[in-house]
N, C-alpha and C. Protein backbone atom coordinates (compact mmCIF):
# COMPACT_ATOMS: atom_id res chain seq x y z
N MET A 1 -56.93 23.18 -9.94
CA MET A 1 -57.79 22.99 -11.07
C MET A 1 -58.20 21.52 -11.16
N ALA A 2 -59.46 21.27 -11.46
CA ALA A 2 -59.97 19.91 -11.55
C ALA A 2 -59.29 19.15 -12.68
N THR A 3 -59.14 17.87 -12.48
CA THR A 3 -58.51 16.99 -13.47
C THR A 3 -59.49 15.89 -13.83
N LYS A 4 -59.75 15.75 -15.13
CA LYS A 4 -60.59 14.66 -15.61
C LYS A 4 -59.72 13.67 -16.36
N ALA A 5 -60.10 12.39 -16.28
CA ALA A 5 -59.36 11.37 -17.01
C ALA A 5 -60.27 10.21 -17.37
N TYR A 6 -59.98 9.61 -18.49
CA TYR A 6 -60.62 8.35 -18.87
C TYR A 6 -59.71 7.23 -18.40
N ILE A 7 -60.29 6.26 -17.73
CA ILE A 7 -59.54 5.11 -17.25
C ILE A 7 -60.07 3.89 -18.00
N LEU A 8 -59.18 3.23 -18.72
CA LEU A 8 -59.53 2.02 -19.44
C LEU A 8 -59.02 0.85 -18.62
N MET A 9 -59.88 -0.12 -18.34
CA MET A 9 -59.51 -1.20 -17.43
C MET A 9 -59.66 -2.57 -18.05
N LYS A 10 -58.66 -3.38 -17.84
CA LYS A 10 -58.72 -4.80 -18.17
C LYS A 10 -59.10 -5.51 -16.87
N VAL A 11 -60.10 -6.38 -16.97
CA VAL A 11 -60.66 -7.03 -15.77
C VAL A 11 -60.64 -8.55 -15.95
N LYS A 12 -60.42 -9.26 -14.87
CA LYS A 12 -60.44 -10.73 -14.90
C LYS A 12 -61.80 -11.22 -15.38
N THR A 13 -61.79 -12.31 -16.11
CA THR A 13 -63.02 -12.91 -16.63
C THR A 13 -64.00 -13.16 -15.49
N GLY A 14 -65.25 -12.73 -15.71
CA GLY A 14 -66.31 -12.94 -14.74
C GLY A 14 -66.39 -11.90 -13.64
N ARG A 15 -65.50 -10.91 -13.64
CA ARG A 15 -65.47 -9.90 -12.57
C ARG A 15 -65.97 -8.53 -13.00
N ALA A 16 -66.33 -8.36 -14.27
CA ALA A 16 -66.67 -7.03 -14.78
C ALA A 16 -67.82 -6.39 -14.00
N GLN A 17 -68.88 -7.12 -13.71
CA GLN A 17 -70.03 -6.53 -13.02
C GLN A 17 -69.66 -6.09 -11.61
N ASP A 18 -68.87 -6.89 -10.91
CA ASP A 18 -68.43 -6.52 -9.55
C ASP A 18 -67.57 -5.26 -9.59
N VAL A 19 -66.65 -5.20 -10.54
CA VAL A 19 -65.78 -4.03 -10.66
C VAL A 19 -66.62 -2.81 -11.03
N LEU A 20 -67.53 -2.97 -11.94
CA LEU A 20 -68.40 -1.88 -12.37
C LEU A 20 -69.21 -1.33 -11.19
N ASN A 21 -69.80 -2.20 -10.40
CA ASN A 21 -70.57 -1.76 -9.23
C ASN A 21 -69.71 -1.00 -8.24
N THR A 22 -68.49 -1.48 -8.02
CA THR A 22 -67.57 -0.81 -7.09
C THR A 22 -67.20 0.57 -7.61
N LEU A 23 -66.88 0.65 -8.89
CA LEU A 23 -66.52 1.94 -9.49
C LEU A 23 -67.65 2.95 -9.39
N LYS A 24 -68.85 2.53 -9.71
CA LYS A 24 -69.99 3.45 -9.70
C LYS A 24 -70.28 4.01 -8.32
N ALA A 25 -69.86 3.32 -7.27
CA ALA A 25 -70.08 3.79 -5.90
C ALA A 25 -68.95 4.69 -5.40
N MET A 26 -67.87 4.82 -6.15
CA MET A 26 -66.72 5.61 -5.71
C MET A 26 -66.91 7.09 -5.97
N PRO A 27 -66.63 7.92 -4.98
CA PRO A 27 -66.63 9.36 -5.22
C PRO A 27 -65.59 9.71 -6.28
N GLY A 28 -65.95 10.58 -7.19
CA GLY A 28 -65.03 10.99 -8.25
C GLY A 28 -65.24 10.25 -9.56
N VAL A 29 -65.92 9.12 -9.50
CA VAL A 29 -66.19 8.39 -10.74
C VAL A 29 -67.50 8.91 -11.31
N GLU A 30 -67.42 9.65 -12.41
CA GLU A 30 -68.61 10.23 -13.03
C GLU A 30 -69.38 9.20 -13.84
N GLN A 31 -68.65 8.33 -14.54
CA GLN A 31 -69.27 7.31 -15.37
C GLN A 31 -68.40 6.07 -15.38
N ALA A 32 -69.04 4.92 -15.55
CA ALA A 32 -68.32 3.66 -15.72
C ALA A 32 -69.20 2.76 -16.58
N HIS A 33 -68.59 2.17 -17.60
CA HIS A 33 -69.34 1.35 -18.55
C HIS A 33 -68.57 0.10 -18.91
N ALA A 34 -69.23 -1.05 -18.87
CA ALA A 34 -68.64 -2.29 -19.36
C ALA A 34 -68.83 -2.32 -20.87
N CYS A 35 -67.83 -2.82 -21.59
CA CYS A 35 -67.86 -2.86 -23.05
C CYS A 35 -67.41 -4.23 -23.54
N PHE A 36 -67.82 -4.56 -24.76
CA PHE A 36 -67.29 -5.75 -25.41
C PHE A 36 -65.87 -5.46 -25.88
N GLY A 37 -65.01 -6.45 -25.89
CA GLY A 37 -63.65 -6.27 -26.36
C GLY A 37 -62.76 -5.67 -25.29
N GLN A 38 -61.61 -5.19 -25.73
CA GLN A 38 -60.65 -4.59 -24.81
C GLN A 38 -60.66 -3.08 -24.99
N PRO A 39 -60.65 -2.31 -23.96
CA PRO A 39 -60.68 -2.72 -22.56
C PRO A 39 -62.07 -3.20 -22.16
N ASP A 40 -62.14 -3.80 -20.99
CA ASP A 40 -63.41 -4.32 -20.50
C ASP A 40 -64.32 -3.22 -19.95
N ILE A 41 -63.69 -2.22 -19.32
CA ILE A 41 -64.46 -1.14 -18.68
C ILE A 41 -63.81 0.21 -19.02
N PHE A 42 -64.67 1.18 -19.35
CA PHE A 42 -64.25 2.57 -19.51
C PHE A 42 -64.80 3.36 -18.33
N GLY A 43 -63.98 4.18 -17.71
CA GLY A 43 -64.45 5.03 -16.63
C GLY A 43 -64.06 6.48 -16.89
N LEU A 44 -64.89 7.40 -16.43
CA LEU A 44 -64.58 8.82 -16.49
C LEU A 44 -64.46 9.31 -15.05
N ILE A 45 -63.28 9.83 -14.73
CA ILE A 45 -62.96 10.26 -13.37
C ILE A 45 -62.85 11.77 -13.34
N ASN A 46 -63.36 12.37 -12.26
CA ASN A 46 -63.22 13.80 -12.05
C ASN A 46 -62.64 13.99 -10.65
N ALA A 47 -61.43 14.54 -10.60
CA ALA A 47 -60.74 14.73 -9.32
C ALA A 47 -60.38 16.20 -9.15
N PRO A 48 -60.22 16.66 -7.91
CA PRO A 48 -59.89 18.07 -7.68
C PRO A 48 -58.57 18.51 -8.30
N ASP A 49 -57.59 17.59 -8.40
CA ASP A 49 -56.28 17.92 -8.96
C ASP A 49 -55.55 16.63 -9.33
N ASP A 50 -54.35 16.79 -9.89
CA ASP A 50 -53.57 15.63 -10.33
C ASP A 50 -53.25 14.66 -9.19
N ARG A 51 -52.93 15.22 -8.05
CA ARG A 51 -52.58 14.37 -6.90
C ARG A 51 -53.77 13.52 -6.46
N ALA A 52 -54.95 14.12 -6.41
CA ALA A 52 -56.16 13.37 -6.03
C ALA A 52 -56.49 12.31 -7.08
N LEU A 53 -56.27 12.63 -8.34
CA LEU A 53 -56.49 11.65 -9.41
C LEU A 53 -55.55 10.46 -9.23
N SER A 54 -54.30 10.76 -9.02
CA SER A 54 -53.31 9.70 -8.82
C SER A 54 -53.66 8.84 -7.61
N ASP A 55 -54.07 9.46 -6.53
CA ASP A 55 -54.45 8.73 -5.32
C ASP A 55 -55.66 7.82 -5.59
N LEU A 56 -56.66 8.34 -6.28
CA LEU A 56 -57.85 7.55 -6.59
C LEU A 56 -57.48 6.32 -7.42
N ILE A 57 -56.63 6.52 -8.42
CA ILE A 57 -56.25 5.41 -9.28
C ILE A 57 -55.37 4.41 -8.53
N MET A 58 -54.34 4.89 -7.88
CA MET A 58 -53.36 3.99 -7.25
C MET A 58 -53.87 3.29 -6.00
N THR A 59 -54.63 4.00 -5.17
CA THR A 59 -55.03 3.38 -3.90
C THR A 59 -56.45 2.83 -3.90
N LYS A 60 -57.26 3.24 -4.86
CA LYS A 60 -58.65 2.76 -4.89
C LYS A 60 -58.91 1.83 -6.07
N ILE A 61 -58.72 2.34 -7.28
CA ILE A 61 -59.06 1.54 -8.47
C ILE A 61 -58.13 0.34 -8.62
N HIS A 62 -56.84 0.53 -8.41
CA HIS A 62 -55.91 -0.60 -8.55
C HIS A 62 -56.14 -1.69 -7.51
N THR A 63 -56.81 -1.37 -6.44
CA THR A 63 -57.03 -2.38 -5.39
C THR A 63 -58.39 -3.07 -5.49
N ILE A 64 -59.19 -2.72 -6.49
CA ILE A 64 -60.48 -3.40 -6.67
C ILE A 64 -60.20 -4.83 -7.12
N PRO A 65 -60.72 -5.83 -6.42
CA PRO A 65 -60.51 -7.21 -6.85
C PRO A 65 -61.03 -7.43 -8.27
N GLY A 66 -60.19 -7.99 -9.11
CA GLY A 66 -60.55 -8.25 -10.49
C GLY A 66 -59.91 -7.30 -11.48
N VAL A 67 -59.48 -6.13 -11.04
CA VAL A 67 -58.81 -5.19 -11.95
C VAL A 67 -57.39 -5.69 -12.19
N GLU A 68 -57.08 -5.97 -13.45
CA GLU A 68 -55.76 -6.48 -13.81
C GLU A 68 -54.82 -5.39 -14.33
N GLU A 69 -55.40 -4.41 -15.02
CA GLU A 69 -54.57 -3.41 -15.69
C GLU A 69 -55.39 -2.16 -15.93
N THR A 70 -54.75 -1.00 -15.84
CA THR A 70 -55.43 0.26 -16.16
C THR A 70 -54.58 1.05 -17.15
N ASP A 71 -55.24 1.89 -17.91
CA ASP A 71 -54.60 2.79 -18.86
C ASP A 71 -55.30 4.13 -18.70
N THR A 72 -54.57 5.14 -18.26
CA THR A 72 -55.15 6.43 -17.92
C THR A 72 -54.89 7.46 -19.02
N HIS A 73 -55.94 8.18 -19.41
CA HIS A 73 -55.85 9.22 -20.41
C HIS A 73 -56.41 10.51 -19.83
N ILE A 74 -55.54 11.43 -19.47
CA ILE A 74 -55.96 12.69 -18.85
C ILE A 74 -56.55 13.61 -19.93
N VAL A 75 -57.69 14.19 -19.62
CA VAL A 75 -58.36 15.12 -20.53
C VAL A 75 -57.60 16.44 -20.49
N VAL A 76 -57.22 16.94 -21.66
CA VAL A 76 -56.48 18.20 -21.71
C VAL A 76 -57.36 19.38 -22.05
N GLN A 77 -58.54 19.10 -22.62
CA GLN A 77 -59.43 20.19 -22.98
C GLN A 77 -60.86 19.67 -23.01
N ASP A 78 -61.76 20.37 -22.32
CA ASP A 78 -63.19 19.98 -22.32
C ASP A 78 -63.89 20.60 -23.48
């Protein structure tokens, strides 16, 4: 079953646009938006299952230069 999650990201000063561009090019990222305040970026992720979601976050999003912290909120009901 597909897994959706909102990813809230804290980003190093001056890196938001680079991180945003990288996120928008990633498969599975449905939306990504820079915002004022904390968090710096909100993302909506759609993955085939929990394992794929975890892999996307841990091996892709966490390794984007400038990403300092993430907070994941899995959608329980659409």
